[in-house]
Protein backbone atom coordinates (compact mmCIF):
# COMPACT_ATOMS: atom_id res chain seq x y z
CA MET A 1 22.46 -31.58 270.85
CA LEU A 2 21.23 -29.27 273.61
CA SER A 3 17.49 -28.74 273.93
CA ALA A 4 15.68 -26.18 276.07
CA GLY A 5 12.19 -24.73 276.15
CA VAL A 6 11.59 -21.05 275.56
CA ASP A 7 9.47 -21.00 278.72
CA VAL A 8 12.46 -21.69 280.99
CA PRO A 9 13.95 -18.25 281.70
CA ASN A 10 16.50 -19.24 284.35
CA LEU A 11 18.78 -21.64 282.50
CA PRO A 12 22.14 -21.71 284.30
CA ASN A 13 25.26 -20.44 282.55
CA ASN A 14 26.90 -23.82 283.13
CA LEU A 15 24.00 -25.87 281.72
CA VAL A 16 26.08 -27.89 279.25
CA GLU A 17 28.67 -28.70 281.88
CA ALA A 18 25.94 -29.70 284.37
CA LEU A 19 24.39 -32.12 281.86
CA ALA A 20 27.63 -33.41 280.35
CA GLY A 21 28.62 -37.00 280.96
CA GLU A 22 27.97 -40.43 279.56
CA GLY A 23 24.90 -40.66 277.33
CA ALA A 24 21.84 -38.43 277.43
CA ALA A 25 20.88 -36.23 280.37
CA ILE A 26 17.76 -34.23 281.21
CA ALA A 27 16.96 -31.68 283.88
CA GLN A 28 14.87 -33.53 286.44
CA SER A 29 12.20 -30.82 286.69
CA GLN A 30 12.12 -29.93 282.98
CA PRO A 31 12.73 -32.89 280.62
CA VAL A 32 12.78 -30.66 277.55
CA VAL A 33 16.06 -29.28 278.93
CA GLY A 34 18.51 -31.95 277.93
CA LEU A 35 21.77 -32.90 276.33
CA TRP A 36 21.33 -35.58 273.67
CA PRO A 37 24.25 -37.30 271.93
CA VAL A 38 23.80 -37.28 268.16
CA SER A 39 24.54 -41.00 268.26
CA LEU A 40 21.00 -41.48 269.64
CA SER A 41 19.36 -40.33 266.38
CA GLY A 42 18.67 -43.94 265.35
CA ALA A 43 17.10 -44.69 268.73
CA LEU A 44 14.92 -41.60 268.33
CA GLU A 45 13.79 -42.65 264.85
CA ALA A 46 12.88 -46.11 266.15
CA PHE A 47 11.05 -44.63 269.16
CA LEU A 48 8.99 -42.34 266.91
CA ALA A 49 8.30 -45.13 264.39
CA LYS A 50 6.75 -47.20 267.20
CA GLY A 51 4.43 -44.30 268.07
CA GLY A 52 6.51 -42.85 270.89
CA ARG A 53 5.92 -39.15 271.46
CA ALA A 54 6.52 -38.38 275.14
CA LEU A 55 9.90 -36.87 275.96
CA TYR A 56 10.00 -38.67 279.31
CA GLY A 57 9.31 -41.89 277.41
CA PHE A 58 12.26 -41.33 275.10
CA ALA A 59 14.47 -40.34 278.02
CA ASP A 60 13.55 -43.61 279.74
CA HIS A 61 14.06 -45.51 276.48
CA VAL A 62 17.68 -44.30 276.25
CA SER A 63 18.30 -44.37 280.03
CA ALA A 64 18.91 -40.62 280.22
CA ARG A 65 20.39 -39.45 283.48
CA GLN A 66 18.16 -37.06 285.45
CA ILE A 67 20.18 -34.12 286.75
CA THR A 68 18.98 -31.90 289.58
CA LEU A 69 19.80 -28.26 288.92
CA ALA A 70 19.87 -25.55 291.58
CA PRO A 71 17.99 -23.36 291.71
CA PRO A 72 15.10 -25.36 290.23
CA LEU A 73 14.20 -24.36 286.69
CA LEU A 74 11.13 -22.21 286.22
CA ASN A 75 8.34 -23.07 283.79
CA VAL A 76 6.71 -19.81 282.72
CA ASN A 77 3.53 -20.26 280.71
CA ARG A 78 1.67 -17.16 281.87
CA PRO A 79 2.53 -13.97 283.80
CA ASP A 80 1.39 -15.51 287.11
CA ASP A 81 4.20 -18.08 286.79
CA LEU A 82 6.88 -15.40 287.11
CA PRO A 83 8.47 -15.07 290.53
CA GLY A 84 7.28 -12.14 292.63
């Protein structure tokens, strides 16, 4: 499953290929941008059942690879966050 936030306007065209590989992978600067094997659904259920909520925490729990994307992904929450 691919996840991405709606506040990341500069997702690369090759995002899936950049994150593809063994196990889960997240964008280093934006952990909501990730590729999650469906086989991790049980691990996610267990993580949530134990009170886990943080995406970084789940990524650590499943040893997700952190991938550096270039250019860095933007996080746009307000107009001032847009590049000039």
